[in-house]
């Protein structure tokens, strides 16, 4: 567990400023992509039932 703490601190120190924002944007983009994918699949299922 001690090694994990050191690795986490090292990673946290490396990701400062703009890089931290970039990672946040990547996570938000990932979430938006998943939501978009779910909406597309739901839309296909709904229209498939009406055909």
C-alpha atoms as a PDB file:
ATOM      1  CA  UNK A   1       0.000   0.000   0.000  1.00  0.00           C
ATOM      2  CA  UNK A   2       2.922   2.310   0.689  1.00  0.00           C
ATOM      3  CA  UNK A   3       4.166   1.968  -2.912  1.00  0.00           C
ATOM      4  CA  UNK A   4       0.745   2.962  -4.205  1.00  0.00           C
ATOM      5  CA  UNK A   5       0.831   6.122  -2.096  1.00  0.00           C
ATOM      6  CA  UNK A   6       4.230   7.056  -3.477  1.00  0.00           C
ATOM      7  CA  UNK A   7       3.129   6.367  -7.058  1.00  0.00           C
ATOM      8  CA  UNK A   8      -0.035   8.389  -6.579  1.00  0.00           C
ATOM      9  CA  UNK A   9       1.879  11.336  -5.137  1.00  0.00           C
ATOM     10  CA  UNK A  10       4.370  11.160  -8.003  1.00  0.00           C
ATOM     11  CA  UNK A  11       1.570  11.126 -10.569  1.00  0.00           C
ATOM     12  CA  UNK A  12      -0.209  13.981  -8.817  1.00  0.00           C
ATOM     13  CA  UNK A  13       2.954  16.065  -8.823  1.00  0.00           C
ATOM     14  CA  UNK A  14       3.533  15.409 -12.528  1.00  0.00           C
ATOM     15  CA  UNK A  15       0.000  16.414 -13.508  1.00  0.00           C
ATOM     16  CA  UNK A  16      -0.243  20.088 -12.702  1.00  0.00           C
ATOM     17  CA  UNK A  17      -1.763  23.030 -14.525  1.00  0.00           C
ATOM     18  CA  UNK A  18      -2.724  22.476 -18.143  1.00  0.00           C
ATOM     19  CA  UNK A  19      -2.128  18.728 -18.108  1.00  0.00           C
ATOM     20  CA  UNK A  20      -4.625  18.350 -15.273  1.00  0.00           C
ATOM     21  CA  UNK A  21      -7.215  20.253 -17.279  1.00  0.00           C
ATOM     22  CA  UNK A  22      -6.516  18.092 -20.317  1.00  0.00           C
ATOM     23  CA  UNK A  23      -7.201  14.921 -18.363  1.00  0.00           C
ATOM     24  CA  UNK A  24     -10.440  16.436 -17.071  1.00  0.00           C
ATOM     25  CA  UNK A  25     -11.519  17.243 -20.628  1.00  0.00           C
ATOM     26  CA  UNK A  26     -10.664  13.705 -21.723  1.00  0.00           C
ATOM     27  CA  UNK A  27     -12.868  12.231 -18.990  1.00  0.00           C
ATOM     28  CA  UNK A  28     -15.735  14.574 -19.877  1.00  0.00           C
ATOM     29  CA  UNK A  29     -15.348  13.663 -23.544  1.00  0.00           C
ATOM     30  CA  UNK A  30     -15.417   9.993 -22.670  1.00  0.00           C
ATOM     31  CA  UNK A  31     -18.617  10.409 -20.657  1.00  0.00           C
ATOM     32  CA  UNK A  32     -20.299  12.461 -23.397  1.00  0.00           C
ATOM     33  CA  UNK A  33     -19.325   9.851 -25.967  1.00  0.00           C
ATOM     34  CA  UNK A  34     -20.852   7.075 -23.876  1.00  0.00           C
ATOM     35  CA  UNK A  35     -24.076   9.052 -23.405  1.00  0.00           C
ATOM     36  CA  UNK A  36     -24.260   9.739 -27.156  1.00  0.00           C
ATOM     37  CA  UNK A  37     -23.699   6.050 -27.888  1.00  0.00           C
ATOM     38  CA  UNK A  38     -26.474   5.028 -25.479  1.00  0.00           C
ATOM     39  CA  UNK A  39     -28.885   7.517 -27.088  1.00  0.00           C
ATOM     40  CA  UNK A  40     -28.070   6.227 -30.571  1.00  0.00           C
ATOM     41  CA  UNK A  41     -28.643   2.601 -29.516  1.00  0.00           C
ATOM     42  CA  UNK A  42     -31.931   3.499 -27.795  1.00  0.00           C
ATOM     43  CA  UNK A  43     -33.083   5.402 -30.865  1.00  0.00           C
ATOM     44  CA  UNK A  44     -32.305   2.393 -33.088  1.00  0.00           C
ATOM     45  CA  UNK A  45     -34.213   0.052 -30.769  1.00  0.00           C
ATOM     46  CA  UNK A  46     -37.279   2.302 -30.685  1.00  0.00           C
ATOM     47  CA  UNK A  47     -37.473   2.718 -34.461  1.00  0.00           C
ATOM     48  CA  UNK A  48     -36.824  -0.993 -34.973  1.00  0.00           C
ATOM     49  CA  UNK A  49     -39.981  -1.810 -32.980  1.00  0.00           C
ATOM     50  CA  UNK A  50     -42.144   0.430 -35.178  1.00  0.00           C
ATOM     51  CA  UNK A  51     -41.005  -1.152 -38.479  1.00  0.00           C
END
